[in-house]
């Protein structure tokens, strides 16, 4: 499952769980980019449910769209990732550290209120 919701002109919420294959990755990326059109200096809340590593095809789709994804992520100053799995939080933090200008923080499932507060600052 993958769902993207534009909350307002500065906020995007993304919820996903399960396993992404190449087709679902294409659809997810297209939807995120579409929903984020016009956002600048935005905030994004990403909620990750039970998640499995994407298929090799899904990773290939993501790699093939890196220039588009870098343009997309530059629209956001802050990203809060809420996840129950420790490895997802750690991986998110590493990815965030690799992207200049992005302030990314990972939160446990029990820290939704803290994530919302952090995004609102």
C-alpha atoms as a PDB file:
ATOM      1  CA  UNK A   1       0.000   0.000   0.000  1.00  0.00           C
ATOM      2  CA  UNK A   2       1.223   3.472  -0.855  1.00  0.00           C
ATOM      3  CA  UNK A   3      -0.678   6.705  -0.282  1.00  0.00           C
ATOM      4  CA  UNK A   4       0.410  10.317  -0.763  1.00  0.00           C
ATOM      5  CA  UNK A   5      -1.670  13.206   0.584  1.00  0.00           C
ATOM      6  CA  UNK A   6      -1.013  16.891   0.102  1.00  0.00           C
ATOM      7  CA  UNK A   7      -2.020  18.473   3.400  1.00  0.00           C
ATOM      8  CA  UNK A   8      -1.440  22.099   2.349  1.00  0.00           C
ATOM      9  CA  UNK A   9       0.954  24.249   0.279  1.00  0.00           C
ATOM     10  CA  UNK A  10       3.875  23.293   2.534  1.00  0.00           C
ATOM     11  CA  UNK A  11       3.113  19.748   3.664  1.00  0.00           C
ATOM     12  CA  UNK A  12       3.010  16.279   2.162  1.00  0.00           C
ATOM     13  CA  UNK A  13       2.142  13.051   3.996  1.00  0.00           C
ATOM     14  CA  UNK A  14       3.265   9.690   2.658  1.00  0.00           C
ATOM     15  CA  UNK A  15       2.118   6.344   4.066  1.00  0.00           C
ATOM     16  CA  UNK A  16       3.376   3.016   2.838  1.00  0.00           C
ATOM     17  CA  UNK A  17       3.803  -0.587   3.838  1.00  0.00           C
ATOM     18  CA  UNK A  18       4.430  -3.954   2.242  1.00  0.00           C
ATOM     19  CA  UNK A  19       6.768  -4.650  -0.640  1.00  0.00           C
ATOM     20  CA  UNK A  20       7.353  -2.413  -3.628  1.00  0.00           C
ATOM     21  CA  UNK A  21       7.903  -3.949  -7.042  1.00  0.00           C
ATOM     22  CA  UNK A  22       8.857  -2.014 -10.178  1.00  0.00           C
ATOM     23  CA  UNK A  23       5.278  -1.148 -11.140  1.00  0.00           C
ATOM     24  CA  UNK A  24       4.223   0.000  -7.665  1.00  0.00           C
ATOM     25  CA  UNK A  25       7.480   1.994  -7.352  1.00  0.00           C
ATOM     26  CA  UNK A  26       6.733   3.821 -10.621  1.00  0.00           C
ATOM     27  CA  UNK A  27       3.212   4.643  -9.471  1.00  0.00           C
ATOM     28  CA  UNK A  28       4.391   5.741  -6.004  1.00  0.00           C
ATOM     29  CA  UNK A  29       7.111   8.039  -7.333  1.00  0.00           C
ATOM     30  CA  UNK A  30       4.786   9.562  -9.946  1.00  0.00           C
ATOM     31  CA  UNK A  31       2.153  10.250  -7.297  1.00  0.00           C
ATOM     32  CA  UNK A  32       4.625  11.809  -4.845  1.00  0.00           C
ATOM     33  CA  UNK A  33       6.042  14.120  -7.514  1.00  0.00           C
ATOM     34  CA  UNK A  34       2.550  15.076  -8.698  1.00  0.00           C
ATOM     35  CA  UNK A  35       1.289  15.840  -5.190  1.00  0.00           C
ATOM     36  CA  UNK A  36       4.411  17.913  -4.382  1.00  0.00           C
ATOM     37  CA  UNK A  37       4.118  20.254  -7.358  1.00  0.00           C
ATOM     38  CA  UNK A  38       4.572  23.844  -6.223  1.00  0.00           C
ATOM     39  CA  UNK A  39       5.771  23.034  -2.707  1.00  0.00           C
ATOM     40  CA  UNK A  40       8.856  24.961  -1.590  1.00  0.00           C
ATOM     41  CA  UNK A  41      10.544  24.870   1.810  1.00  0.00           C
ATOM     42  CA  UNK A  42       8.082  22.131   2.676  1.00  0.00           C
ATOM     43  CA  UNK A  43       7.724  19.469   5.333  1.00  0.00           C
ATOM     44  CA  UNK A  44       6.994  15.812   4.713  1.00  0.00           C
ATOM     45  CA  UNK A  45       5.750  13.156   7.112  1.00  0.00           C
ATOM     46  CA  UNK A  46       6.553   9.606   6.011  1.00  0.00           C
ATOM     47  CA  UNK A  47       4.831   6.780   7.893  1.00  0.00           C
ATOM     48  CA  UNK A  48       6.293   3.362   7.203  1.00  0.00           C
ATOM     49  CA  UNK A  49       4.276   0.323   8.215  1.00  0.00           C
ATOM     50  CA  UNK A  50       5.532  -3.249   7.986  1.00  0.00           C
ATOM     51  CA  UNK A  51       7.983  -2.870   5.173  1.00  0.00           C
ATOM     52  CA  UNK A  52      10.096  -5.286   3.174  1.00  0.00           C
ATOM     53  CA  UNK A  53      13.068  -4.403   1.019  1.00  0.00           C
ATOM     54  CA  UNK A  54      11.954  -3.359  -2.468  1.00  0.00           C
ATOM     55  CA  UNK A  55      12.499  -5.759  -5.336  1.00  0.00           C
ATOM     56  CA  UNK A  56      15.536  -5.295  -7.589  1.00  0.00           C
ATOM     57  CA  UNK A  57      13.180  -3.960 -10.253  1.00  0.00           C
ATOM     58  CA  UNK A  58      11.837  -1.346  -7.851  1.00  0.00           C
ATOM     59  CA  UNK A  59      15.366  -0.271  -6.921  1.00  0.00           C
ATOM     60  CA  UNK A  60      16.221   0.004 -10.631  1.00  0.00           C
ATOM     61  CA  UNK A  61      13.214   2.291 -11.145  1.00  0.00           C
ATOM     62  CA  UNK A  62      14.321   4.458  -8.217  1.00  0.00           C
ATOM     63  CA  UNK A  63      17.904   4.663  -9.526  1.00  0.00           C
ATOM     64  CA  UNK A  64      16.698   5.541 -13.023  1.00  0.00           C
ATOM     65  CA  UNK A  65      14.790   8.493 -11.574  1.00  0.00           C
ATOM     66  CA  UNK A  66      17.490   9.897  -9.294  1.00  0.00           C
ATOM     67  CA  UNK A  67      17.644  13.326 -11.010  1.00  0.00           C
ATOM     68  CA  UNK A  68      13.856  13.697 -10.653  1.00  0.00           C
ATOM     69  CA  UNK A  69      13.999  12.492  -7.030  1.00  0.00           C
ATOM     70  CA  UNK A  70      16.724  14.997  -6.142  1.00  0.00           C
ATOM     71  CA  UNK A  71      14.589  17.805  -7.577  1.00  0.00           C
ATOM     72  CA  UNK A  72      11.628  16.455  -5.595  1.00  0.00           C
ATOM     73  CA  UNK A  73      13.458  16.212  -2.264  1.00  0.00           C
ATOM     74  CA  UNK A  74      14.887  19.748  -2.631  1.00  0.00           C
ATOM     75  CA  UNK A  75      11.322  21.008  -2.285  1.00  0.00           C
ATOM     76  CA  UNK A  76      11.452  19.986   1.386  1.00  0.00           C
ATOM     77  CA  UNK A  77      13.444  21.343   4.319  1.00  0.00           C
ATOM     78  CA  UNK A  78      12.253  18.769   6.849  1.00  0.00           C
ATOM     79  CA  UNK A  79      11.263  15.138   6.628  1.00  0.00           C
ATOM     80  CA  UNK A  80      10.013  13.131   9.604  1.00  0.00           C
ATOM     81  CA  UNK A  81      10.025   9.363   9.185  1.00  0.00           C
ATOM     82  CA  UNK A  82       7.846   7.330  11.544  1.00  0.00           C
ATOM     83  CA  UNK A  83       8.637   3.628  11.498  1.00  0.00           C
ATOM     84  CA  UNK A  84       8.329   0.657  13.795  1.00  0.00           C
ATOM     85  CA  UNK A  85      11.342  -1.155  12.402  1.00  0.00           C
ATOM     86  CA  UNK A  86      14.733   0.009  13.689  1.00  0.00           C
ATOM     87  CA  UNK A  87      16.489  -0.705  10.397  1.00  0.00           C
ATOM     88  CA  UNK A  88      14.053   1.554   8.518  1.00  0.00           C
ATOM     89  CA  UNK A  89      14.712   4.426  10.943  1.00  0.00           C
ATOM     90  CA  UNK A  90      18.478   3.924  10.689  1.00  0.00           C
ATOM     91  CA  UNK A  91      18.408   3.710   6.903  1.00  0.00           C
ATOM     92  CA  UNK A  92      16.280   6.869   6.717  1.00  0.00           C
ATOM     93  CA  UNK A  93      18.737   8.751   8.915  1.00  0.00           C
ATOM     94  CA  UNK A  94      21.663   7.668   6.719  1.00  0.00           C
ATOM     95  CA  UNK A  95      19.840   8.693   3.546  1.00  0.00           C
ATOM     96  CA  UNK A  96      18.967  12.065   5.086  1.00  0.00           C
ATOM     97  CA  UNK A  97      22.604  12.696   6.002  1.00  0.00           C
ATOM     98  CA  UNK A  98      23.601  12.173   2.373  1.00  0.00           C
ATOM     99  CA  UNK A  99      21.266  14.878   1.047  1.00  0.00           C
ATOM    100  CA  UNK A 100      22.610  18.420   1.522  1.00  0.00           C
ATOM    101  CA  UNK A 101      20.131  20.903   2.981  1.00  0.00           C
ATOM    102  CA  UNK A 102      17.665  18.271   4.165  1.00  0.00           C
ATOM    103  CA  UNK A 103      16.865  17.955   7.836  1.00  0.00           C
ATOM    104  CA  UNK A 104      15.553  14.407   8.348  1.00  0.00           C
ATOM    105  CA  UNK A 105      14.678  12.867  11.674  1.00  0.00           C
ATOM    106  CA  UNK A 106      13.380   9.358  12.360  1.00  0.00           C
ATOM    107  CA  UNK A 107      10.792   8.569  15.028  1.00  0.00           C
ATOM    108  CA  UNK A 108       9.339   5.390  16.535  1.00  0.00           C
ATOM    109  CA  UNK A 109       5.649   4.550  16.069  1.00  0.00           C
ATOM    110  CA  UNK A 110       4.910   5.842  19.563  1.00  0.00           C
ATOM    111  CA  UNK A 111       6.374   9.263  18.712  1.00  0.00           C
ATOM    112  CA  UNK A 112       3.829  10.559  16.206  1.00  0.00           C
ATOM    113  CA  UNK A 113       3.065  13.672  18.282  1.00  0.00           C
ATOM    114  CA  UNK A 114       6.778  14.459  18.579  1.00  0.00           C
ATOM    115  CA  UNK A 115       7.225  14.052  14.817  1.00  0.00           C
ATOM    116  CA  UNK A 116       4.327  16.420  14.138  1.00  0.00           C
ATOM    117  CA  UNK A 117       5.753  18.995  16.580  1.00  0.00           C
ATOM    118  CA  UNK A 118       9.195  18.718  15.017  1.00  0.00           C
ATOM    119  CA  UNK A 119       7.774  19.273  11.520  1.00  0.00           C
ATOM    120  CA  UNK A 120       5.788  22.304  12.675  1.00  0.00           C
ATOM    121  CA  UNK A 121       8.888  24.146  13.958  1.00  0.00           C
END
